[in-house]
Amino acid sequence: MPRLPRRLQHEEEATLVEHLGELRTRIYISLAALIAGFSVAYAFHSHLIKWLEDALPPDRRHLITFGVAEPFMTSMWVSIYAGFLLALPIILWQVWSFLAPAFAENMQRSLAALVAFATLLAGAGVAFAYFVVLPAAVHFLTNYDDDLFNIQIRAKDYLSFSTMVLLAVAIVFEVPVFVLALVRIGVVTSAKLRRTWRIGVVVMAAVAVALPGVDPVTTTIEMIPLITLYLGSVLLSGFFERRWHPTRHGLLAEEL
C-alpha cells in the first residue's frame, strides 16, 4: 500500500522527481475523496433534493422533468455538487500541504488560520443562503405575475439555480478572508482600506449585481451581507495588522 505523502519543511530541498511524485499522490488522494464524497451524496440524493425543495412555497414543491434521461442526470449532478462539497476540506488540505513549504513557518500558521476561518465562513454562508436568501428569492420569482403564467418548476433549472445561489453566497462570505490575506502578505494596509472604504462599498455592490440571481430581491439580500462583511473586515484588518506587521504599524503611527 502506498504511503501518504510527507509534507516538506520550509526550505527543505527535494528533487523534481520527488515533487512530481508528491503532487501525483496528492491528486490521487483528492480524486479518492471526490469519489467517496460522491458515493455518500448519491446514497442520500433523494434527501438532498427534498432539502432543496423545502425552500420553495408548499404548492410549488413538486418539480417536473422533461425527457427520458433528465431525472437520472439531475440526481447525478446534485450528487456531484454535494460530493465535491464533502470532499472540499480534504482537497484544500492536499493543496495547502503541497504549497506550504514555500512559506515561512509564521506565514504558514497565519494561512492555516485563514483557511480554518474561511471554512467557518463558508458554512455560515451556506446556512444564510438556505434559510434567508433562497426562500426569499424563490417566493418572489415563483409568484411573479402568477396570474399571467401557468408556473411549473423544472427540476433541472431549479436545482441549478438553488445550488448556484448557495455557492455564490458562500463565496460572498469569504470577503473577510480575502481582505485579511491581502493585508497579511502586505499588498494593502489597514490605513489604505479605511481611506478607500467608499470605493470598496461600490465594488461590493457591483459584485452583488454580478452574482447569480437576476431578481432584485436576491441581489439586495446578497448585497447586504457582502457590504457588511467588507466593512467588518476593514475594521479587523487594523487589529491583525498590529500583530502581523508591528514595525510597519509603528512607522505609520509615528507618521500620523
Protein backbone atom coordinates (compact mmCIF):
# COMPACT_ATOMS: atom_id res chain seq x y z
CA MET A 1 0.00 0.00 0.00
CA PRO A 2 1.48 3.42 -0.95
CA ARG A 3 2.31 5.68 1.96
CA LEU A 4 0.71 9.09 2.43
CA PRO A 5 2.94 11.90 1.16
CA ARG A 6 5.10 13.67 3.73
CA ARG A 7 4.83 17.43 3.83
CA LEU A 8 8.19 19.06 3.23
CA GLN A 9 9.55 21.60 5.68
CA HIS A 10 10.29 25.19 4.74
CA GLU A 11 13.44 25.46 2.58
CA GLU A 12 13.86 21.67 2.59
CA GLU A 13 15.45 20.58 -0.66
CA ALA A 14 13.79 17.99 -2.90
CA THR A 15 14.34 16.83 -6.45
CA LEU A 16 11.89 17.47 -9.28
CA VAL A 17 11.00 13.78 -9.32
CA GLU A 18 10.16 13.90 -5.60
CA HIS A 19 7.97 16.98 -6.10
CA LEU A 20 6.14 15.33 -9.00
CA GLY A 21 5.68 12.14 -7.01
CA GLU A 22 4.23 14.07 -4.10
CA LEU A 23 1.92 16.01 -6.44
CA ARG A 24 0.71 12.79 -8.09
CA THR A 25 -0.06 11.20 -4.72
CA ARG A 26 -1.97 14.25 -3.51
CA ILE A 27 -4.01 14.30 -6.73
CA TYR A 28 -4.87 10.62 -6.18
CA ILE A 29 -5.96 11.37 -2.61
CA SER A 30 -8.13 14.26 -3.83
CA LEU A 31 -9.74 12.07 -6.51
CA ALA A 32 -10.41 9.34 -3.94
CA ALA A 33 -12.04 11.94 -1.68
CA LEU A 34 -14.21 13.10 -4.59
CA ILE A 35 -15.33 9.55 -5.36
CA ALA A 36 -16.09 8.87 -1.69
CA GLY A 37 -17.97 12.18 -1.35
CA PHE A 38 -20.00 11.45 -4.48
CA SER A 39 -20.85 7.95 -3.24
CA VAL A 40 -22.12 9.28 0.08
CA ALA A 41 -24.05 12.08 -1.60
CA TYR A 42 -25.65 9.75 -4.13
CA ALA A 43 -26.79 7.43 -1.36
CA PHE A 44 -28.71 10.36 0.13
CA HIS A 45 -29.53 12.27 -3.06
CA SER A 46 -33.29 11.99 -2.53
CA HIS A 47 -32.92 13.70 0.85
CA LEU A 48 -30.73 16.40 -0.71
CA ILE A 49 -33.29 17.14 -3.42
CA LYS A 50 -36.12 17.32 -0.87
CA TRP A 51 -33.94 19.56 1.30
CA LEU A 52 -33.54 21.98 -1.60
CA GLU A 53 -37.25 21.72 -2.44
CA ASP A 54 -38.16 22.86 1.07
CA ALA A 55 -37.11 26.40 0.15
CA LEU A 56 -39.97 26.54 -2.36
CA PRO A 57 -43.52 27.57 -1.39
CA PRO A 58 -45.53 24.47 -0.36
CA ASP A 59 -47.65 24.50 -3.53
CA ARG A 60 -44.55 24.58 -5.80
CA ARG A 61 -42.56 21.69 -4.36
CA HIS A 62 -43.45 19.03 -6.92
CA LEU A 63 -40.72 19.50 -9.52
CA ILE A 64 -41.20 18.34 -13.09
CA THR A 65 -38.78 16.90 -15.65
CA PHE A 66 -38.76 16.65 -19.44
CA GLY A 67 -37.03 13.86 -21.31
CA VAL A 68 -36.09 10.29 -20.54
CA ALA A 69 -32.64 10.90 -19.06
CA GLU A 70 -33.37 14.12 -17.16
CA PRO A 71 -34.35 12.53 -13.79
CA PHE A 72 -31.15 10.46 -13.76
CA MET A 73 -28.87 13.32 -14.88
CA THR A 74 -30.43 15.76 -12.42
CA SER A 75 -29.86 13.39 -9.50
CA MET A 76 -26.31 12.75 -10.69
CA TRP A 77 -25.44 16.45 -10.85
CA VAL A 78 -26.87 17.10 -7.40
CA SER A 79 -24.74 14.23 -6.09
CA ILE A 80 -21.65 15.58 -7.84
CA TYR A 81 -22.09 19.06 -6.37
CA ALA A 82 -22.72 17.68 -2.88
CA GLY A 83 -19.86 15.20 -3.18
CA PHE A 84 -17.48 18.00 -4.14
CA LEU A 85 -18.52 19.98 -1.05
CA LEU A 86 -17.95 16.92 1.15
CA ALA A 87 -14.50 16.34 -0.35
CA LEU A 88 -13.51 20.02 -0.37
CA PRO A 89 -11.80 20.05 3.08
CA ILE A 90 -9.56 17.13 2.05
CA ILE A 91 -8.81 18.72 -1.34
CA LEU A 92 -7.92 22.06 0.27
CA TRP A 93 -5.70 20.30 2.78
CA GLN A 94 -3.84 18.49 -0.01
CA VAL A 95 -3.35 21.77 -1.91
CA TRP A 96 -2.18 23.51 1.24
CA SER A 97 0.19 20.68 2.19
CA PHE A 98 1.80 20.83 -1.25
CA LEU A 99 2.23 24.63 -1.21
CA ALA A 100 3.05 25.13 2.49
CA PRO A 101 6.84 24.54 2.21
CA ALA A 102 7.09 27.68 0.06
CA PHE A 103 6.08 29.81 3.06
CA ALA A 104 7.94 30.57 6.28
CA GLU A 105 6.72 28.98 9.50
CA ASN A 106 4.99 32.13 10.83
CA MET A 107 3.28 32.66 7.46
CA GLN A 108 2.14 29.02 7.45
CA ARG A 109 0.41 29.48 10.81
CA SER A 110 -1.36 32.62 9.58
CA LEU A 111 -2.53 31.00 6.35
CA ALA A 112 -3.69 27.87 8.19
CA ALA A 113 -5.76 30.09 10.50
CA LEU A 114 -7.21 31.89 7.48
CA VAL A 115 -8.16 28.55 5.90
CA ALA A 116 -9.96 27.49 9.09
CA PHE A 117 -11.69 30.88 9.22
CA ALA A 118 -12.68 30.51 5.56
CA THR A 119 -14.25 27.11 6.26
CA LEU A 120 -16.39 28.54 9.06
CA LEU A 121 -17.44 31.48 6.91
CA ALA A 122 -18.37 29.18 4.01
CA GLY A 123 -20.59 27.13 6.31
CA ALA A 124 -22.21 30.31 7.62
CA GLY A 125 -22.72 31.47 4.03
CA VAL A 126 -24.47 28.26 3.00
CA ALA A 127 -26.74 28.44 6.06
CA PHE A 128 -27.58 32.10 5.38
CA ALA A 129 -28.30 31.33 1.72
CA TYR A 130 -30.55 28.37 2.53
CA PHE A 131 -32.57 29.94 5.34
CA VAL A 132 -32.70 33.58 4.14
CA VAL A 133 -31.67 34.20 0.53
CA LEU A 134 -33.13 31.18 -1.28
CA PRO A 135 -36.64 31.25 0.29
CA ALA A 136 -37.00 34.97 -0.37
CA ALA A 137 -35.76 34.63 -3.94
CA VAL A 138 -37.94 31.68 -4.94
CA HIS A 139 -41.00 33.15 -3.23
CA PHE A 140 -40.61 36.33 -5.29
CA LEU A 141 -39.80 34.56 -8.55
CA THR A 142 -42.42 31.80 -8.39
CA ASN A 143 -45.22 34.24 -7.55
CA TYR A 144 -44.26 36.96 -10.01
CA ASP A 145 -47.15 37.53 -12.49
CA ASP A 146 -48.66 34.21 -11.48
CA ASP A 147 -51.99 35.48 -12.83
CA LEU A 148 -50.45 35.61 -16.32
CA PHE A 149 -48.48 32.34 -16.36
CA ASN A 150 -49.04 28.70 -15.55
CA ILE A 151 -45.93 28.45 -13.37
CA GLN A 152 -44.40 24.99 -13.23
CA ILE A 153 -40.88 24.48 -11.96
CA ARG A 154 -38.46 22.26 -13.84
CA ALA A 155 -36.22 20.19 -11.60
CA LYS A 156 -33.00 20.79 -13.55
CA ASP A 157 -33.45 24.56 -13.67
CA TYR A 158 -34.48 24.96 -10.06
CA LEU A 159 -31.73 22.74 -8.64
CA SER A 160 -29.13 24.51 -10.78
CA PHE A 161 -30.42 27.91 -9.60
CA SER A 162 -30.50 26.90 -5.93
CA THR A 163 -27.02 25.37 -5.92
CA MET A 164 -25.59 28.45 -7.65
CA VAL A 165 -27.21 30.71 -5.05
CA LEU A 166 -25.77 28.61 -2.22
CA LEU A 167 -22.32 28.68 -3.83
CA ALA A 168 -22.48 32.41 -4.57
CA VAL A 169 -23.40 33.36 -1.01
CA ALA A 170 -20.73 31.02 0.37
CA ILE A 171 -18.18 32.87 -1.79
CA VAL A 172 -19.59 36.23 -0.64
CA PHE A 173 -18.89 35.25 2.95
CA GLU A 174 -15.20 34.78 2.07
CA VAL A 175 -14.67 38.53 1.62
CA PRO A 176 -13.05 38.97 5.08
CA VAL A 177 -10.58 36.17 4.34
CA PHE A 178 -9.65 37.77 1.02
CA VAL A 179 -9.14 41.21 2.59
CA LEU A 180 -7.18 39.89 5.57
CA ALA A 181 -5.00 37.78 3.26
CA LEU A 182 -4.09 40.90 1.26
CA VAL A 183 -3.15 42.67 4.49
CA ARG A 184 -1.16 39.67 5.71
CA ILE A 185 1.01 39.46 2.59
CA GLY A 186 1.44 43.23 2.52
CA VAL A 187 -0.46 44.11 -0.67
CA VAL A 188 -2.63 46.67 1.14
CA THR A 189 -2.64 48.30 4.57
CA SER A 190 -5.46 48.87 7.00
CA ALA A 191 -4.96 52.63 6.67
CA LYS A 192 -5.45 52.48 2.90
CA LEU A 193 -8.57 50.32 3.33
CA ARG A 194 -10.04 52.88 5.72
CA ARG A 195 -9.29 55.75 3.34
CA THR A 196 -10.88 53.98 0.35
CA TRP A 197 -13.83 52.30 2.09
CA ARG A 198 -16.36 54.09 -0.14
CA ILE A 199 -14.73 52.67 -3.26
CA GLY A 200 -14.79 49.24 -1.65
CA VAL A 201 -18.52 49.54 -0.95
CA VAL A 202 -19.18 50.41 -4.60
CA VAL A 203 -17.10 47.42 -5.72
CA MET A 204 -19.01 45.11 -3.35
CA ALA A 205 -22.33 46.40 -4.71
CA ALA A 206 -21.13 45.69 -8.27
CA VAL A 207 -20.09 42.18 -7.24
CA ALA A 208 -23.54 41.56 -5.74
CA VAL A 209 -25.16 42.57 -9.04
CA ALA A 210 -22.90 40.16 -10.93
CA LEU A 211 -23.72 37.20 -8.68
CA PRO A 212 -26.35 34.59 -9.66
CA GLY A 213 -29.90 35.82 -9.08
CA VAL A 214 -31.38 38.15 -11.66
CA ASP A 215 -34.18 39.41 -9.45
CA PRO A 216 -33.86 42.48 -7.20
CA VAL A 217 -34.72 40.51 -4.07
CA THR A 218 -31.81 38.07 -4.41
CA THR A 219 -29.40 40.84 -5.40
CA THR A 220 -30.36 43.02 -2.43
CA ILE A 221 -30.14 40.19 0.09
CA GLU A 222 -26.71 39.23 -1.29
CA MET A 223 -25.54 42.84 -1.27
CA ILE A 224 -26.33 43.50 2.42
CA PRO A 225 -24.01 40.82 3.91
CA LEU A 226 -21.39 41.49 1.25
CA ILE A 227 -21.05 45.16 2.22
CA THR A 228 -21.35 44.36 5.93
CA LEU A 229 -18.62 41.74 5.77
CA TYR A 230 -16.36 44.06 3.79
CA LEU A 231 -16.71 46.90 6.32
CA GLY A 232 -16.16 44.42 9.15
CA SER A 233 -13.01 43.13 7.50
CA VAL A 234 -11.70 46.69 7.16
CA LEU A 235 -12.08 47.11 10.93
CA LEU A 236 -10.49 43.72 11.62
CA SER A 237 -7.54 44.48 9.36
CA GLY A 238 -6.25 47.13 11.75
CA PHE A 239 -6.28 44.71 14.69
CA PHE A 240 -4.49 41.93 12.82
CA GLU A 241 -2.04 44.26 11.12
CA ARG A 242 -0.67 45.29 14.51
CA ARG A 243 0.12 41.64 15.19
CA TRP A 244 1.36 40.70 11.72
CA HIS A 245 3.37 43.84 10.89
CA PRO A 246 4.23 45.60 14.18
CA THR A 247 7.13 47.52 12.61
CA ARG A 248 5.02 48.88 9.75
CA HIS A 249 2.22 49.80 12.14
CA GLY A 250 4.67 51.65 14.39
CA LEU A 251 6.01 53.67 11.48
CA LEU A 252 2.51 54.60 10.38
CA ALA A 253 1.63 55.68 13.88
CA GLU A 254 4.72 57.92 14.01
CA GLU A 255 3.82 59.49 10.66
CA LEU A 256 0.32 60.24 11.87
